[in-house]
Structure formats: C-alpha cells, structure tokens
Amino acid sequence: MNKPQLIVLIFALIAAESSVNAKSAWPRGNRPLDLNFLYHACKESREMKTDYSRGYCDGAIQAALTEIDNHCVPGGTTKGKMYDHLIDTIVDLELPPGISSINIPDYLEESLSIKWPCRKN
C-alpha cells in the first residue's frame, strides 16, 4: 500500500469512527459549526452547567472571535463578561427548526456592536 492510499484509508476510518460515535442530543449541522449547534451547546452549559458544554461553547466563541477584526468592547470589560453577553444572545435566540445558516462570527460581531457600539469620529 502506497502513502496516498494509506492516507485515504486513515481518513475513511476516522470518518467511519466519528459517524458511529456521533450520537448526540445536539442537532447536526451542514458544516463543522453552525449557530444551531452552538445554541444547543451554550444552552446546555447554562442549564446543566457541564464543563464539557461550557468549554465547547467558550471555545467556539473564542474561535469565532478570531475572525472579527473590529469591535469596541471597553478596555475594563472582562473576557468573562463579554463571553456571558455573547452566550446570553446565543441562548436567547429563537432559532427555527433545522439548520441555521447564520455565520457565527458575523452574528457575534453584530451582538458586540449592539452592546458596545464604536464611537464615530
């Protein structure tokens, strides 16, 4: 077996393994992370206060924030307060059943700009 065939086989095994172990209460999305999936993770972190769901929720928000170039969160605002605000806006959403195609970084950027608008010079 040559190297490209081995790589294809490894990816096929990983995909098969993940589909077998993918039993979850959270709905699946059509991409690695959609707002619908994040909503359920953040909601579970609030209601059940599990470390896994809070870590997933915080990590997904942190990853999405890396795509936001401009926000005007005041300097004295803690990261925790900012995350709490973002989680609240996610959990308070009334998502239609199924998959949400809302771009998470765009949604978070809008949420931050509503809470802490940038001053116009």
PDB file of N, CA and C in Angstrom:
ATOM      1  N   MET A   1       0.853  -1.171   0.000  1.00  0.00           N
ATOM      2  CA  MET A   1       0.000   0.000   0.000  1.00  0.00           C
ATOM      3  C   MET A   1       0.901   1.237   0.000  1.00  0.00           C
ATOM      4  N   ASN A   2       0.651   2.144  -0.945  1.00  0.00           N
ATOM      5  CA  ASN A   2       1.476   3.348  -1.005  1.00  0.00           C
ATOM      6  C   ASN A   2       0.932   4.423  -0.054  1.00  0.00           C
ATOM      7  N   LYS A   3       1.696   5.490   0.096  1.00  0.00           N
ATOM      8  CA  LYS A   3       1.370   6.528   1.071  1.00  0.00           C
ATOM      9  C   LYS A   3       0.015   7.195   0.808  1.00  0.00           C
ATOM     10  N   PRO A   4      -0.324   7.598  -0.441  1.00  0.00           N
ATOM     11  CA  PRO A   4      -1.642   8.212  -0.664  1.00  0.00           C
ATOM     12  C   PRO A   4      -2.806   7.284  -0.314  1.00  0.00           C
ATOM     13  N   GLN A   5      -2.660   5.990  -0.617  1.00  0.00           N
ATOM     14  CA  GLN A   5      -3.723   5.043  -0.278  1.00  0.00           C
ATOM     15  C   GLN A   5      -3.864   4.919   1.235  1.00  0.00           C
ATOM     16  N   LEU A   6      -2.751   4.932   1.944  1.00  0.00           N
ATOM     17  CA  LEU A   6      -2.773   4.848   3.403  1.00  0.00           C
ATOM     18  C   LEU A   6      -3.467   6.068   3.998  1.00  0.00           C
ATOM     19  N   ILE A   7      -3.182   7.236   3.462  1.00  0.00           N
ATOM     20  CA  ILE A   7      -3.814   8.463   3.961  1.00  0.00           C
ATOM     21  C   ILE A   7      -5.324   8.421   3.734  1.00  0.00           C
ATOM     22  N   VAL A   8      -5.749   7.968   2.549  1.00  0.00           N
ATOM     23  CA  VAL A   8      -7.174   7.848   2.258  1.00  0.00           C
ATOM     24  C   VAL A   8      -7.821   6.857   3.214  1.00  0.00           C
ATOM     25  N   LEU A   9      -7.163   5.748   3.478  1.00  0.00           N
ATOM     26  CA  LEU A   9      -7.688   4.741   4.389  1.00  0.00           C
ATOM     27  C   LEU A   9      -7.829   5.307   5.800  1.00  0.00           C
ATOM     28  N   ILE A  10      -6.849   6.055   6.257  1.00  0.00           N
ATOM     29  CA  ILE A  10      -6.907   6.640   7.603  1.00  0.00           C
ATOM     30  C   ILE A  10      -8.091   7.600   7.717  1.00  0.00           C
ATOM     31  N   PHE A  11      -8.266   8.462   6.708  1.00  0.00           N
ATOM     32  CA  PHE A  11      -9.397   9.387   6.735  1.00  0.00           C
ATOM     33  C   PHE A  11     -10.728   8.653   6.671  1.00  0.00           C
ATOM     34  N   ALA A  12     -10.790   7.582   5.910  1.00  0.00           N
ATOM     35  CA  ALA A  12     -12.026   6.801   5.833  1.00  0.00           C
ATOM     36  C   ALA A  12     -12.348   6.167   7.184  1.00  0.00           C
ATOM     37  N   LEU A  13     -11.329   5.662   7.870  1.00  0.00           N
ATOM     38  CA  LEU A  13     -11.541   5.066   9.186  1.00  0.00           C
ATOM     39  C   LEU A  13     -11.967   6.119  10.208  1.00  0.00           C
ATOM     40  N   ILE A  14     -11.355   7.275  10.154  1.00  0.00           N
ATOM     41  CA  ILE A  14     -11.733   8.353  11.068  1.00  0.00           C
ATOM     42  C   ILE A  14     -13.182   8.766  10.823  1.00  0.00           C
ATOM     43  N   ALA A  15     -13.566   8.896   9.556  1.00  0.00           N
ATOM     44  CA  ALA A  15     -14.942   9.274   9.225  1.00  0.00           C
ATOM     45  C   ALA A  15     -15.927   8.214   9.697  1.00  0.00           C
ATOM     46  N   ALA A  16     -15.588   6.951   9.493  1.00  0.00           N
ATOM     47  CA  ALA A  16     -16.467   5.864   9.932  1.00  0.00           C
ATOM     48  C   ALA A  16     -16.586   5.849  11.452  1.00  0.00           C
ATOM     49  N   GLU A  17     -15.484   6.035  12.144  1.00  0.00           N
ATOM     50  CA  GLU A  17     -15.473   6.063  13.611  1.00  0.00           C
ATOM     51  C   GLU A  17     -16.322   7.211  14.131  1.00  0.00           C
ATOM     52  N   SER A  18     -16.171   8.395  13.529  1.00  0.00           N
ATOM     53  CA  SER A  18     -16.908   9.557  14.022  1.00  0.00           C
ATOM     54  C   SER A  18     -18.399   9.419  13.744  1.00  0.00           C
ATOM     55  N   SER A  19     -18.774   8.774  12.642  1.00  0.00           N
ATOM     56  CA  SER A  19     -20.200   8.619  12.373  1.00  0.00           C
ATOM     57  C   SER A  19     -20.833   7.607  13.318  1.00  0.00           C
ATOM     58  N   VAL A  20     -20.074   6.628  13.762  1.00  0.00           N
ATOM     59  CA  VAL A  20     -20.583   5.651  14.720  1.00  0.00           C
ATOM     60  C   VAL A  20     -20.730   6.288  16.092  1.00  0.00           C
ATOM     61  N   ASN A  21     -19.765   7.139  16.475  1.00  0.00           N
ATOM     62  CA  ASN A  21     -19.773   7.749  17.797  1.00  0.00           C
ATOM     63  C   ASN A  21     -20.478   9.100  17.828  1.00  0.00           C
ATOM     64  N   ALA A  22     -21.165   9.464  16.767  1.00  0.00           N
ATOM     65  CA  ALA A  22     -21.751  10.796  16.680  1.00  0.00           C
ATOM     66  C   ALA A  22     -23.118  10.909  17.348  1.00  0.00           C
ATOM     67  N   LYS A  23     -23.514   9.952  18.147  1.00  0.00           N
ATOM     68  CA  LYS A  23     -24.796  10.027  18.832  1.00  0.00           C
ATOM     69  C   LYS A  23     -24.742  11.188  19.815  1.00  0.00           C
ATOM     70  N   SER A  24     -25.612  12.161  19.610  1.00  0.00           N
ATOM     71  CA  SER A  24     -25.609  13.348  20.449  1.00  0.00           C
ATOM     72  C   SER A  24     -27.013  13.914  20.507  1.00  0.00           C
ATOM     73  N   ALA A  25     -27.301  14.601  21.586  1.00  0.00           N
ATOM     74  CA  ALA A  25     -28.598  15.256  21.706  1.00  0.00           C
ATOM     75  C   ALA A  25     -28.643  16.523  20.873  1.00  0.00           C
ATOM     76  N   TRP A  26     -27.496  17.010  20.451  1.00  0.00           N
ATOM     77  CA  TRP A  26     -27.436  18.244  19.671  1.00  0.00           C
ATOM     78  C   TRP A  26     -27.664  17.937  18.208  1.00  0.00           C
ATOM     79  N   PRO A  27     -28.475  18.745  17.539  1.00  0.00           N
ATOM     80  CA  PRO A  27     -28.707  18.521  16.109  1.00  0.00           C
ATOM     81  C   PRO A  27     -27.432  18.723  15.296  1.00  0.00           C
ATOM     82  N   ARG A  28     -27.303  17.967  14.238  1.00  0.00           N
ATOM     83  CA  ARG A  28     -26.124  18.080  13.377  1.00  0.00           C
ATOM     84  C   ARG A  28     -26.343  19.161  12.339  1.00  0.00           C
ATOM     85  N   GLY A  29     -25.283  19.836  11.992  1.00  0.00           N
ATOM     86  CA  GLY A  29     -25.358  20.899  11.003  1.00  0.00           C
ATOM     87  C   GLY A  29     -24.782  20.469   9.678  1.00  0.00           C
ATOM     88  N   ASN A  30     -24.843  21.363   8.727  1.00  0.00           N
ATOM     89  CA  ASN A  30     -24.322  21.047   7.406  1.00  0.00           C
ATOM     90  C   ASN A  30     -22.888  21.540   7.247  1.00  0.00           C
ATOM     91  N   ARG A  31     -22.292  22.024   8.299  1.00  0.00           N
ATOM     92  CA  ARG A  31     -20.885  22.413   8.293  1.00  0.00           C
ATOM     93  C   ARG A  31     -20.342  22.171   9.690  1.00  0.00           C
ATOM     94  N   PRO A  32     -19.037  22.255   9.877  1.00  0.00           N
ATOM     95  CA  PRO A  32     -18.461  21.881  11.175  1.00  0.00           C
ATOM     96  C   PRO A  32     -19.089  22.589  12.367  1.00  0.00           C
ATOM     97  N   LEU A  33     -19.494  23.827  12.206  1.00  0.00           N
ATOM     98  CA  LEU A  33     -20.129  24.523  13.325  1.00  0.00           C
ATOM     99  C   LEU A  33     -21.137  25.506  12.770  1.00  0.00           C
ATOM    100  N   ASP A  34     -22.376  25.308  13.115  1.00  0.00           N
ATOM    101  CA  ASP A  34     -23.386  26.287  12.742  1.00  0.00           C
ATOM    102  C   ASP A  34     -24.001  26.851  14.014  1.00  0.00           C
ATOM    103  N   LEU A  35     -24.750  27.911  13.888  1.00  0.00           N
ATOM    104  CA  LEU A  35     -25.310  28.586  15.046  1.00  0.00           C
ATOM    105  C   LEU A  35     -26.290  27.704  15.799  1.00  0.00           C
ATOM    106  N   ASN A  36     -26.979  26.838  15.092  1.00  0.00           N
ATOM    107  CA  ASN A  36     -27.926  25.926  15.730  1.00  0.00           C
ATOM    108  C   ASN A  36     -27.199  24.990  16.712  1.00  0.00           C
ATOM    109  N   PHE A  37     -26.084  24.433  16.280  1.00  0.00           N
ATOM    110  CA  PHE A  37     -25.300  23.529  17.135  1.00  0.00           C
ATOM    111  C   PHE A  37     -24.738  24.290  18.330  1.00  0.00           C
ATOM    112  N   LEU A  38     -24.201  25.477  18.072  1.00  0.00           N
ATOM    113  CA  LEU A  38     -23.634  26.288  19.145  1.00  0.00           C
ATOM    114  C   LEU A  38     -24.712  26.688  20.142  1.00  0.00           C
ATOM    115  N   TYR A  39     -25.893  26.985  19.658  1.00  0.00           N
ATOM    116  CA  TYR A  39     -27.028  27.327  20.525  1.00  0.00           C
ATOM    117  C   TYR A  39     -27.275  26.218  21.549  1.00  0.00           C
ATOM    118  N   HIS A  40     -27.330  24.985  21.086  1.00  0.00           N
ATOM    119  CA  HIS A  40     -27.608  23.868  21.994  1.00  0.00           C
ATOM    120  C   HIS A  40     -26.472  23.643  22.990  1.00  0.00           C
ATOM    121  N   ALA A  41     -25.244  23.810  22.551  1.00  0.00           N
ATOM    122  CA  ALA A  41     -24.104  23.647  23.460  1.00  0.00           C
ATOM    123  C   ALA A  41     -24.120  24.724  24.538  1.00  0.00           C
ATOM    124  N   CYS A  42     -24.343  25.962  24.136  1.00  0.00           N
ATOM    125  CA  CYS A  42     -24.350  27.065  25.101  1.00  0.00           C
ATOM    126  C   CYS A  42     -25.550  26.971  26.037  1.00  0.00           C
ATOM    127  N   LYS A  43     -26.681  26.562  25.502  1.00  0.00           N
ATOM    128  CA  LYS A  43     -27.880  26.400  26.342  1.00  0.00           C
ATOM    129  C   LYS A  43     -27.640  25.307  27.386  1.00  0.00           C
ATOM    130  N   GLU A  44     -27.051  24.205  26.964  1.00  0.00           N
ATOM    131  CA  GLU A  44     -26.750  23.126  27.917  1.00  0.00           C
ATOM    132  C   GLU A  44     -25.746  23.598  28.967  1.00  0.00           C
ATOM    133  N   SER A  45     -24.792  24.419  28.565  1.00  0.00           N
ATOM    134  CA  SER A  45     -23.803  24.902  29.536  1.00  0.00           C
ATOM    135  C   SER A  45     -24.471  25.782  30.589  1.00  0.00           C
ATOM    136  N   ARG A  46     -25.519  26.488  30.216  1.00  0.00           N
ATOM    137  CA  ARG A  46     -26.248  27.338  31.168  1.00  0.00           C
ATOM    138  C   ARG A  46     -27.173  26.518  32.060  1.00  0.00           C
ATOM    139  N   GLU A  47     -27.901  25.580  31.474  1.00  0.00           N
ATOM    140  CA  GLU A  47     -28.904  24.831  32.212  1.00  0.00           C
ATOM    141  C   GLU A  47     -28.307  23.732  33.078  1.00  0.00           C
ATOM    142  N   MET A  48     -27.362  22.988  32.520  1.00  0.00           N
ATOM    143  CA  MET A  48     -26.820  21.828  33.239  1.00  0.00           C
ATOM    144  C   MET A  48     -25.451  22.122  33.843  1.00  0.00           C
ATOM    145  N   LYS A  49     -24.869  23.228  33.411  1.00  0.00           N
ATOM    146  CA  LYS A  49     -23.569  23.662  33.917  1.00  0.00           C
ATOM    147  C   LYS A  49     -22.499  22.570  33.821  1.00  0.00           C
ATOM    148  N   THR A  50     -22.454  21.890  32.676  1.00  0.00           N
ATOM    149  CA  THR A  50     -21.431  20.866  32.482  1.00  0.00           C
ATOM    150  C   THR A  50     -20.156  21.516  31.953  1.00  0.00           C
ATOM    151  N   ASP A  51     -19.026  21.012  32.402  1.00  0.00           N
ATOM    152  CA  ASP A  51     -17.743  21.557  31.970  1.00  0.00           C
ATOM    153  C   ASP A  51     -17.536  21.373  30.476  1.00  0.00           C
ATOM    154  N   TYR A  52     -17.966  20.217  29.952  1.00  0.00           N
ATOM    155  CA  TYR A  52     -17.768  19.952  28.526  1.00  0.00           C
ATOM    156  C   TYR A  52     -18.522  20.963  27.670  1.00  0.00           C
ATOM    157  N   SER A  53     -19.798  21.148  27.958  1.00  0.00           N
ATOM    158  CA  SER A  53     -20.584  22.058  27.127  1.00  0.00           C
ATOM    159  C   SER A  53     -20.118  23.502  27.293  1.00  0.00           C
ATOM    160  N   ARG A  54     -19.728  23.902  28.504  1.00  0.00           N
ATOM    161  CA  ARG A  54     -19.214  25.274  28.697  1.00  0.00           C
ATOM    162  C   ARG A  54     -17.893  25.443  27.944  1.00  0.00           C
ATOM    163  N   GLY A  55     -17.038  24.437  28.010  1.00  0.00           N
ATOM    164  CA  GLY A  55     -15.770  24.503  27.284  1.00  0.00           C
ATOM    165  C   GLY A  55     -15.982  24.553  25.787  1.00  0.00           C
ATOM    166  N   TYR A  56     -16.937  23.772  25.300  1.00  0.00           N
ATOM    167  CA  TYR A  56     -17.239  23.772  23.863  1.00  0.00           C
ATOM    168  C   TYR A  56     -17.786  25.130  23.448  1.00  0.00           C
ATOM    169  N   CYS A  57     -18.731  25.637  24.216  1.00  0.00           N
ATOM    170  CA  CYS A  57     -19.357  26.919  23.919  1.00  0.00           C
ATOM    171  C   CYS A  57     -18.311  28.035  23.928  1.00  0.00           C
ATOM    172  N   ASP A  58     -17.519  28.113  24.996  1.00  0.00           N
ATOM    173  CA  ASP A  58     -16.482  29.149  25.095  1.00  0.00           C
ATOM    174  C   ASP A  58     -15.444  29.017  23.987  1.00  0.00           C
ATOM    175  N   GLY A  59     -15.034  27.781  23.697  1.00  0.00           N
ATOM    176  CA  GLY A  59     -14.031  27.554  22.657  1.00  0.00           C
ATOM    177  C   GLY A  59     -14.522  27.944  21.283  1.00  0.00           C
ATOM    178  N   ALA A  60     -15.778  27.634  20.997  1.00  0.00           N
ATOM    179  CA  ALA A  60     -16.346  28.000  19.693  1.00  0.00           C
ATOM    180  C   ALA A  60     -16.464  29.516  19.566  1.00  0.00           C
ATOM    181  N   ILE A  61     -16.852  30.173  20.652  1.00  0.00           N
ATOM    182  CA  ILE A  61     -16.933  31.634  20.630  1.00  0.00           C
ATOM    183  C   ILE A  61     -15.541  32.227  20.445  1.00  0.00           C
ATOM    184  N   GLN A  62     -14.577  31.700  21.181  1.00  0.00           N
ATOM    185  CA  GLN A  62     -13.201  32.206  21.062  1.00  0.00           C
ATOM    186  C   GLN A  62     -12.686  32.037  19.632  1.00  0.00           C
ATOM    187  N   ALA A  63     -12.954  30.890  19.033  1.00  0.00           N
ATOM    188  CA  ALA A  63     -12.520  30.658  17.650  1.00  0.00           C
ATOM    189  C   ALA A  63     -13.203  31.632  16.699  1.00  0.00           C
ATOM    190  N   ALA A  64     -14.491  31.852  16.888  1.00  0.00           N
ATOM    191  CA  ALA A  64     -15.223  32.775  16.008  1.00  0.00           C
ATOM    192  C   ALA A  64     -14.730  34.209  16.185  1.00  0.00           C
ATOM    193  N   LEU A  65     -14.351  34.578  17.404  1.00  0.00           N
ATOM    194  CA  LEU A  65     -13.875  35.943  17.649  1.00  0.00           C
ATOM    195  C   LEU A  65     -12.569  36.239  16.918  1.00  0.00           C
ATOM    196  N   THR A  66     -11.806  35.211  16.578  1.00  0.00           N
ATOM    197  CA  THR A  66     -10.560  35.441  15.841  1.00  0.00           C
ATOM    198  C   THR A  66     -10.825  35.963  14.431  1.00  0.00           C
ATOM    199  N   GLU A  67     -12.056  35.794  13.956  1.00  0.00           N
ATOM    200  CA  GLU A  67     -12.422  36.268  12.619  1.00  0.00           C
ATOM    201  C   GLU A  67     -13.004  37.678  12.642  1.00  0.00           C
ATOM    202  N   ILE A  68     -13.138  38.255  13.828  1.00  0.00           N
ATOM    203  CA  ILE A  68     -13.698  39.600  13.949  1.00  0.00           C
ATOM    204  C   ILE A  68     -12.548  40.588  14.078  1.00  0.00           C
ATOM    205  N   ASP A  69     -12.488  41.526  13.146  1.00  0.00           N
ATOM    206  CA  ASP A  69     -11.399  42.497  13.157  1.00  0.00           C
ATOM    207  C   ASP A  69     -11.699  43.706  14.030  1.00  0.00           C
ATOM    208  N   ASN A  70     -12.916  44.164  13.975  1.00  0.00           N
ATOM    209  CA  ASN A  70     -13.244  45.409  14.671  1.00  0.00           C
ATOM    210  C   ASN A  70     -14.361  45.196  15.676  1.00  0.00           C
ATOM    211  N   HIS A  71     -14.069  45.484  16.915  1.00  0.00           N
ATOM    212  CA  HIS A  71     -15.114  45.567  17.929  1.00  0.00           C
ATOM    213  C   HIS A  71     -14.648  46.581  18.959  1.00  0.00           C
ATOM    214  N   CYS A  72     -15.586  47.139  19.661  1.00  0.00           N
ATOM    215  CA  CYS A  72     -15.272  48.240  20.573  1.00  0.00           C
ATOM    216  C   CYS A  72     -15.659  47.909  22.004  1.00  0.00           C
ATOM    217  N   VAL A  73     -15.323  46.729  22.455  1.00  0.00           N
ATOM    218  CA  VAL A  73     -15.577  46.349  23.839  1.00  0.00           C
ATOM    219  C   VAL A  73     -14.686  47.217  24.723  1.00  0.00           C
ATOM    220  N   PRO A  74     -15.261  47.899  25.718  1.00  0.00           N
ATOM    221  CA  PRO A  74     -14.451  48.769  26.575  1.00  0.00           C
ATOM    222  C   PRO A  74     -13.303  48.021  27.246  1.00  0.00           C
ATOM    223  N   GLY A  75     -12.201  48.738  27.442  1.00  0.00           N
ATOM    224  CA  GLY A  75     -10.993  48.144  27.992  1.00  0.00           C
ATOM    225  C   GLY A  75     -11.172  47.477  29.346  1.00  0.00           C
ATOM    226  N   GLY A  76     -12.044  47.986  30.189  1.00  0.00           N
ATOM    227  CA  GLY A  76     -12.239  47.423  31.521  1.00  0.00           C
ATOM    228  C   GLY A  76     -13.170  46.218  31.570  1.00  0.00           C
ATOM    229  N   THR A  77     -13.719  45.837  30.427  1.00  0.00           N
ATOM    230  CA  THR A  77     -14.646  44.706  30.374  1.00  0.00           C
ATOM    231  C   THR A  77     -13.862  43.399  30.418  1.00  0.00           C
ATOM    232  N   THR A  78     -14.237  42.525  31.340  1.00  0.00           N
ATOM    233  CA  THR A  78     -13.530  41.246  31.440  1.00  0.00           C
ATOM    234  C   THR A  78     -13.953  40.331  30.294  1.00  0.00           C
ATOM    235  N   LYS A  79     -13.080  39.389  30.012  1.00  0.00           N
ATOM    236  CA  LYS A  79     -13.385  38.386  28.984  1.00  0.00           C
ATOM    237  C   LYS A  79     -14.634  37.600  29.389  1.00  0.00           C
ATOM    238  N   GLY A  80     -14.755  37.296  30.675  1.00  0.00           N
ATOM    239  CA  GLY A  80     -15.916  36.557  31.171  1.00  0.00           C
ATOM    240  C   GLY A  80     -17.219  37.312  30.946  1.00  0.00           C
ATOM    241  N   LYS A  81     -17.192  38.636  31.193  1.00  0.00           N
ATOM    242  CA  LYS A  81     -18.398  39.441  30.993  1.00  0.00           C
ATOM    243  C   LYS A  81     -18.767  39.474  29.507  1.00  0.00           C
ATOM    244  N   MET A  82     -17.764  39.602  28.644  1.00  0.00           N
ATOM    245  CA  MET A  82     -18.024  39.608  27.210  1.00  0.00           C
ATOM    246  C   MET A  82     -18.596  38.258  26.767  1.00  0.00           C
ATOM    247  N   TYR A  83     -17.999  37.156  27.245  1.00  0.00           N
ATOM    248  CA  TYR A  83     -18.494  35.826  26.884  1.00  0.00           C
ATOM    249  C   TYR A  83     -19.911  35.616  27.413  1.00  0.00           C
ATOM    250  N   ASP A  84     -20.175  36.061  28.647  1.00  0.00           N
ATOM    251  CA  ASP A  84     -21.526  35.924  29.197  1.00  0.00           C
ATOM    252  C   ASP A  84     -22.546  36.649  28.327  1.00  0.00           C
ATOM    253  N   HIS A  85     -22.187  37.837  27.868  1.00  0.00           N
ATOM    254  CA  HIS A  85     -23.085  38.589  26.983  1.00  0.00           C
ATOM    255  C   HIS A  85     -23.327  37.807  25.684  1.00  0.00           C
ATOM    256  N   LEU A  86     -22.254  37.307  25.077  1.00  0.00           N
ATOM    257  CA  LEU A  86     -22.405  36.578  23.816  1.00  0.00           C
ATOM    258  C   LEU A  86     -23.205  35.296  24.003  1.00  0.00           C
ATOM    259  N   ILE A  87     -22.952  34.581  25.096  1.00  0.00           N
ATOM    260  CA  ILE A  87     -23.711  33.348  25.358  1.00  0.00           C
ATOM    261  C   ILE A  87     -25.184  33.675  25.572  1.00  0.00           C
ATOM    262  N   ASP A  88     -25.462  34.753  26.311  1.00  0.00           N
ATOM    263  CA  ASP A  88     -26.858  35.154  26.515  1.00  0.00           C
ATOM    264  C   ASP A  88     -27.552  35.425  25.189  1.00  0.00           C
ATOM    265  N   THR A  89     -26.867  36.134  24.282  1.00  0.00           N
ATOM    266  CA  THR A  89     -27.503  36.450  22.993  1.00  0.00           C
ATOM    267  C   THR A  89     -27.717  35.197  22.150  1.00  0.00           C
ATOM    268  N   ILE A  90     -26.829  34.224  22.292  1.00  0.00           N
ATOM    269  CA  ILE A  90     -26.992  32.961  21.554  1.00  0.00           C
ATOM    270  C   ILE A  90     -28.148  32.163  22.136  1.00  0.00           C
ATOM    271  N   VAL A  91     -28.176  32.028  23.464  1.00  0.00           N
ATOM    272  CA  VAL A  91     -29.201  31.210  24.121  1.00  0.00           C
ATOM    273  C   VAL A  91     -30.589  31.845  23.997  1.00  0.00           C
ATOM    274  N   ASP A  92     -30.654  33.167  23.931  1.00  0.00           N
ATOM    275  CA  ASP A  92     -31.943  33.854  23.815  1.00  0.00           C
ATOM    276  C   ASP A  92     -32.515  33.841  22.405  1.00  0.00           C
ATOM    277  N   LEU A  93     -31.767  33.310  21.452  1.00  0.00           N
ATOM    278  CA  LEU A  93     -32.262  33.219  20.078  1.00  0.00           C
ATOM    279  C   LEU A  93     -33.445  32.267  19.987  1.00  0.00           C
ATOM    280  N   GLU A  94     -34.334  32.585  19.102  1.00  0.00           N
ATOM    281  CA  GLU A  94     -35.409  31.647  18.788  1.00  0.00           C
ATOM    282  C   GLU A  94     -35.136  31.139  17.380  1.00  0.00           C
ATOM    283  N   LEU A  95     -34.366  30.073  17.319  1.00  0.00           N
ATOM    284  CA  LEU A  95     -33.976  29.516  16.025  1.00  0.00           C
ATOM    285  C   LEU A  95     -35.094  28.676  15.440  1.00  0.00           C
ATOM    286  N   PRO A  96     -35.302  28.786  14.141  1.00  0.00           N
ATOM    287  CA  PRO A  96     -36.274  27.902  13.511  1.00  0.00           C
ATOM    288  C   PRO A  96     -35.744  26.470  13.538  1.00  0.00           C
ATOM    289  N   PRO A  97     -36.632  25.489  13.521  1.00  0.00           N
ATOM    290  CA  PRO A  97     -36.162  24.101  13.500  1.00  0.00           C
ATOM    291  C   PRO A  97     -35.255  23.857  12.295  1.00  0.00           C
ATOM    292  N   GLY A  98     -34.295  23.009  12.487  1.00  0.00           N
ATOM    293  CA  GLY A  98     -33.385  22.692  11.392  1.00  0.00           C
ATOM    294  C   GLY A  98     -32.075  23.429  11.523  1.00  0.00           C
ATOM    295  N   ILE A  99     -31.486  23.668  10.408  1.00  0.00           N
ATOM    296  CA  ILE A  99     -30.131  24.206  10.376  1.00  0.00           C
ATOM    297  C   ILE A  99     -30.168  25.714  10.150  1.00  0.00           C
ATOM    298  N   SER A 100     -29.410  26.426  10.969  1.00  0.00           N
ATOM    299  CA  SER A 100     -29.283  27.863  10.785  1.00  0.00           C
ATOM    300  C   SER A 100     -28.063  28.137   9.919  1.00  0.00           C
ATOM    301  N   SER A 101     -28.232  28.987   8.923  1.00  0.00           N
ATOM    302  CA  SER A 101     -27.105  29.308   8.053  1.00  0.00           C
ATOM    303  C   SER A 101     -26.462  30.634   8.447  1.00  0.00           C
ATOM    304  N   ILE A 102     -26.798  31.138   9.629  1.00  0.00           N
ATOM    305  CA  ILE A 102     -26.212  32.394  10.090  1.00  0.00           C
ATOM    306  C   ILE A 102     -24.728  32.172  10.365  1.00  0.00           C
ATOM    307  N   ASN A 103     -23.903  33.050   9.837  1.00  0.00           N
ATOM    308  CA  ASN A 103     -22.464  32.977  10.057  1.00  0.00           C
ATOM    309  C   ASN A 103     -22.171  33.398  11.495  1.00  0.00           C
ATOM    310  N   ILE A 104     -21.532  32.534  12.265  1.00  0.00           N
ATOM    311  CA  ILE A 104     -21.311  32.798  13.690  1.00  0.00           C
ATOM    312  C   ILE A 104     -20.462  34.042  13.926  1.00  0.00           C
ATOM    313  N   PRO A 105     -19.306  34.212  13.261  1.00  0.00           N
ATOM    314  CA  PRO A 105     -18.542  35.446  13.509  1.00  0.00           C
ATOM    315  C   PRO A 105     -19.345  36.714  13.193  1.00  0.00           C
ATOM    316  N   ASP A 106     -20.127  36.696  12.116  1.00  0.00           N
ATOM    317  CA  ASP A 106     -20.952  37.866  11.782  1.00  0.00           C
ATOM    318  C   ASP A 106     -21.983  38.128  12.878  1.00  0.00           C
ATOM    319  N   TYR A 107     -22.599  37.068  13.371  1.00  0.00           N
ATOM    320  CA  TYR A 107     -23.599  37.206  14.431  1.00  0.00           C
ATOM    321  C   TYR A 107     -22.971  37.774  15.703  1.00  0.00           C
ATOM    322  N   LEU A 108     -21.814  37.244  16.089  1.00  0.00           N
ATOM    323  CA  LEU A 108     -21.153  37.721  17.299  1.00  0.00           C
ATOM    324  C   LEU A 108     -20.691  39.161  17.151  1.00  0.00           C
ATOM    325  N   GLU A 109     -20.196  39.508  15.976  1.00  0.00           N
ATOM    326  CA  GLU A 109     -19.759  40.888  15.729  1.00  0.00           C
ATOM    327  C   GLU A 109     -20.946  41.848  15.861  1.00  0.00           C
ATOM    328  N   GLU A 110     -22.072  41.465  15.314  1.00  0.00           N
ATOM    329  CA  GLU A 110     -23.278  42.298  15.424  1.00  0.00           C
ATOM    330  C   GLU A 110     -23.721  42.424  16.874  1.00  0.00           C
ATOM    331  N   SER A 111     -23.666  41.322  17.607  1.00  0.00           N
ATOM    332  CA  SER A 111     -24.043  41.350  19.022  1.00  0.00           C
ATOM    333  C   SER A 111     -23.147  42.284  19.827  1.00  0.00           C
ATOM    334  N   LEU A 112     -21.843  42.239  19.555  1.00  0.00           N
ATOM    335  CA  LEU A 112     -20.907  43.125  20.258  1.00  0.00           C
ATOM    336  C   LEU A 112     -21.154  44.581  19.880  1.00  0.00           C
ATOM    337  N   SER A 113     -21.443  44.837  18.613  1.00  0.00           N
ATOM    338  CA  SER A 113     -21.638  46.226  18.181  1.00  0.00           C
ATOM    339  C   SER A 113     -22.936  46.819  18.732  1.00  0.00           C
ATOM    340  N   ILE A 114     -23.911  45.983  19.021  1.00  0.00           N
ATOM    341  CA  ILE A 114     -25.148  46.469  19.630  1.00  0.00           C
ATOM    342  C   ILE A 114     -24.909  46.794  21.112  1.00  0.00           C
ATOM    343  N   LYS A 115     -24.220  45.908  21.795  1.00  0.00           N
ATOM    344  CA  LYS A 115     -23.942  46.108  23.230  1.00  0.00           C
ATOM    345  C   LYS A 115     -22.931  47.229  23.447  1.00  0.00           C
ATOM    346  N   TRP A 116     -21.851  47.247  22.667  1.00  0.00           N
ATOM    347  CA  TRP A 116     -20.785  48.227  22.815  1.00  0.00           C
ATOM    348  C   TRP A 116     -20.489  48.860  21.445  1.00  0.00           C
ATOM    349  N   PRO A 117     -21.323  49.810  21.025  1.00  0.00           N
ATOM    350  CA  PRO A 117     -21.109  50.419  19.704  1.00  0.00           C
ATOM    351  C   PRO A 117     -19.793  51.220  19.658  1.00  0.00           C
ATOM    352  N   CYS A 118     -19.183  51.245  18.500  1.00  0.00           N
ATOM    353  CA  CYS A 118     -17.958  52.021  18.307  1.00  0.00           C
ATOM    354  C   CYS A 118     -18.349  53.495  18.166  1.00  0.00           C
ATOM    355  N   ARG A 119     -17.512  54.358  18.696  1.00  0.00           N
ATOM    356  CA  ARG A 119     -17.748  55.796  18.565  1.00  0.00           C
ATOM    357  C   ARG A 119     -17.353  56.237  17.168  1.00  0.00           C
ATOM    358  N   LYS A 120     -18.175  57.090  16.612  1.00  0.00           N
ATOM    359  CA  LYS A 120     -17.860  57.645  15.292  1.00  0.00           C
ATOM    360  C   LYS A 120     -17.050  58.917  15.498  1.00  0.00           C
ATOM    361  N   ASN A 121     -15.930  59.022  14.815  1.00  0.00           N
ATOM    362  CA  ASN A 121     -15.073  60.213  14.957  1.00  0.00           C
ATOM    363  C   ASN A 121     -15.521  61.341  14.090  1.00  0.00           C
TER     364      ASN A 121
END
